[in-house]
Amino acid sequence: MFRLIALALTSTFALLFLIGTSGDPVAPGPAVMSAGFMGRGADEAADTALQYVARPHQALKAQPDNASGILHILPYGAPLLPMGETEGDFVKVRDRAGRVGFVRSDVLTAAFPG
């Protein structure tokens, strides 16, 4: 079985070596969204400086209220993109997975805490 796999791989590489690939340059396509932070949504603020979670195990809330449901538990140092909206002690943010919710503003820092 190993010899069969080795023969198939060797044949494939030999074929690529003999034929090669096209020398034509590839035209650039649309920008690739990386970690959900590159795109600008309609509700996103002009200031897109990342903020970081400065305390371990912080809750990403569905609403700007301490009694609100928890969407996700954010680890220490998690990068968040502020969306520009603040309500009381909470800031609307988006995490790397694209989840939008609210975090207490006193747990955010502009410099990476770790």
Protein backbone atom coordinates (compact mmCIF):
# COMPACT_ATOMS: atom_id res chain seq x y z
CA MET A 1 0.00 0.00 0.00
CA PHE A 2 2.84 2.36 0.88
CA ARG A 3 4.49 1.75 -2.49
CA LEU A 4 1.25 2.57 -4.30
CA ILE A 5 0.91 5.88 -2.44
CA ALA A 6 4.57 6.72 -3.03
CA LEU A 7 4.21 5.94 -6.75
CA ALA A 8 1.11 8.16 -7.03
CA LEU A 9 2.83 11.07 -5.27
CA THR A 10 6.02 10.70 -7.30
CA SER A 11 4.04 10.59 -10.54
CA THR A 12 2.08 13.69 -9.58
CA PHE A 13 5.21 15.67 -8.75
CA ALA A 14 6.97 14.48 -11.92
CA LEU A 15 3.99 15.57 -14.00
CA LEU A 16 3.95 18.99 -12.33
CA PHE A 17 7.69 19.31 -12.92
CA LEU A 18 7.37 18.50 -16.64
CA ILE A 19 4.23 20.51 -17.35
CA GLY A 20 4.60 23.22 -14.74
CA THR A 21 1.99 25.81 -14.04
CA SER A 22 0.86 28.83 -15.98
CA GLY A 23 3.26 31.76 -15.95
CA ASP A 24 0.39 34.23 -16.13
CA PRO A 25 0.11 36.45 -13.07
CA VAL A 26 -3.05 36.11 -11.03
CA ALA A 27 -5.23 39.22 -10.98
CA PRO A 28 -5.95 40.44 -7.45
CA GLY A 29 -9.43 39.70 -6.21
CA PRO A 30 -11.55 41.33 -3.53
CA ALA A 31 -10.03 41.86 -0.09
CA VAL A 32 -10.15 38.84 2.16
CA MET A 33 -11.90 39.34 5.48
CA SER A 34 -9.57 38.35 8.28
CA ALA A 35 -11.02 37.55 11.68
CA GLY A 36 -14.05 39.72 11.01
CA PHE A 37 -12.18 42.99 11.54
CA MET A 38 -11.51 44.24 7.99
CA GLY A 39 -15.01 45.00 6.78
CA ARG A 40 -16.80 48.18 7.73
CA GLY A 41 -20.42 47.69 8.66
CA ALA A 42 -23.03 50.42 8.63
CA ASP A 43 -23.09 50.56 12.43
CA GLU A 44 -19.31 50.59 12.83
CA ALA A 45 -17.62 53.71 14.10
CA ALA A 46 -14.92 55.54 12.18
CA ASP A 47 -12.45 54.85 15.00
CA THR A 48 -11.52 51.19 14.57
CA ALA A 49 -8.68 50.90 17.07
CA LEU A 50 -8.72 47.50 18.70
CA GLN A 51 -9.35 47.21 22.42
CA TYR A 52 -8.30 44.25 24.55
CA VAL A 53 -9.95 42.48 27.46
CA ALA A 54 -7.86 43.39 30.53
CA ARG A 55 -9.47 40.93 32.96
CA PRO A 56 -9.98 37.16 32.64
CA HIS A 57 -13.38 35.60 31.94
CA GLN A 58 -15.40 38.65 30.92
CA ALA A 59 -18.92 38.32 29.55
CA LEU A 60 -19.94 39.49 26.09
CA LYS A 61 -23.55 40.48 26.80
CA ALA A 62 -26.51 40.56 24.43
CA GLN A 63 -27.74 43.86 25.89
CA PRO A 64 -26.02 46.69 27.83
CA ASP A 65 -27.31 45.40 31.16
CA ASN A 66 -25.73 43.32 33.93
CA ALA A 67 -28.80 41.04 33.97
CA SER A 68 -28.66 40.45 30.20
CA GLY A 69 -27.88 37.07 28.66
CA ILE A 70 -24.26 36.11 27.99
CA LEU A 71 -23.32 35.51 24.35
CA HIS A 72 -19.74 34.40 25.02
CA ILE A 73 -17.10 34.40 27.75
CA LEU A 74 -14.10 36.45 26.60
CA PRO A 75 -10.61 35.36 27.66
CA TYR A 76 -7.91 37.66 28.99
CA GLY A 77 -6.30 39.62 26.13
CA ALA A 78 -9.06 38.93 23.58
CA PRO A 79 -9.10 41.63 20.86
CA LEU A 80 -12.38 43.48 20.39
CA LEU A 81 -13.44 46.06 17.83
CA PRO A 82 -15.46 48.91 19.37
CA MET A 83 -18.56 49.72 17.33
CA GLY A 84 -18.80 53.31 18.63
CA GLU A 85 -21.97 52.85 20.66
CA THR A 86 -21.84 53.26 24.44
CA GLU A 87 -24.71 52.85 26.88
CA GLY A 88 -23.98 53.54 30.51
CA ASP A 89 -21.01 51.44 31.58
CA PHE A 90 -21.15 49.27 28.44
CA VAL A 91 -19.49 49.50 25.01
CA LYS A 92 -20.83 47.78 21.89
CA VAL A 93 -18.06 45.58 20.40
CA ARG A 94 -17.42 42.83 17.86
CA ASP A 95 -15.11 39.91 18.61
CA ARG A 96 -12.96 37.90 16.20
CA ALA A 97 -15.74 35.40 15.57
CA GLY A 98 -18.03 38.23 14.42
CA ARG A 99 -20.25 38.19 17.51
CA VAL A 100 -21.62 41.65 18.35
CA GLY A 101 -22.48 42.42 21.94
CA PHE A 102 -21.73 44.62 24.91
CA VAL A 103 -18.80 44.61 27.34
CA ARG A 104 -18.23 46.72 30.42
CA SER A 105 -15.96 49.60 29.46
CA ASP A 106 -13.80 49.25 32.59
CA VAL A 107 -12.49 45.85 31.43
CA LEU A 108 -11.09 47.19 28.13
CA THR A 109 -7.61 48.55 27.46
CA ALA A 110 -6.02 50.04 24.34
CA ALA A 111 -2.69 48.22 24.88
CA PHE A 112 -2.40 44.44 24.77
CA PRO A 113 -2.38 43.41 28.44
CA GLY A 114 -0.23 40.32 28.14
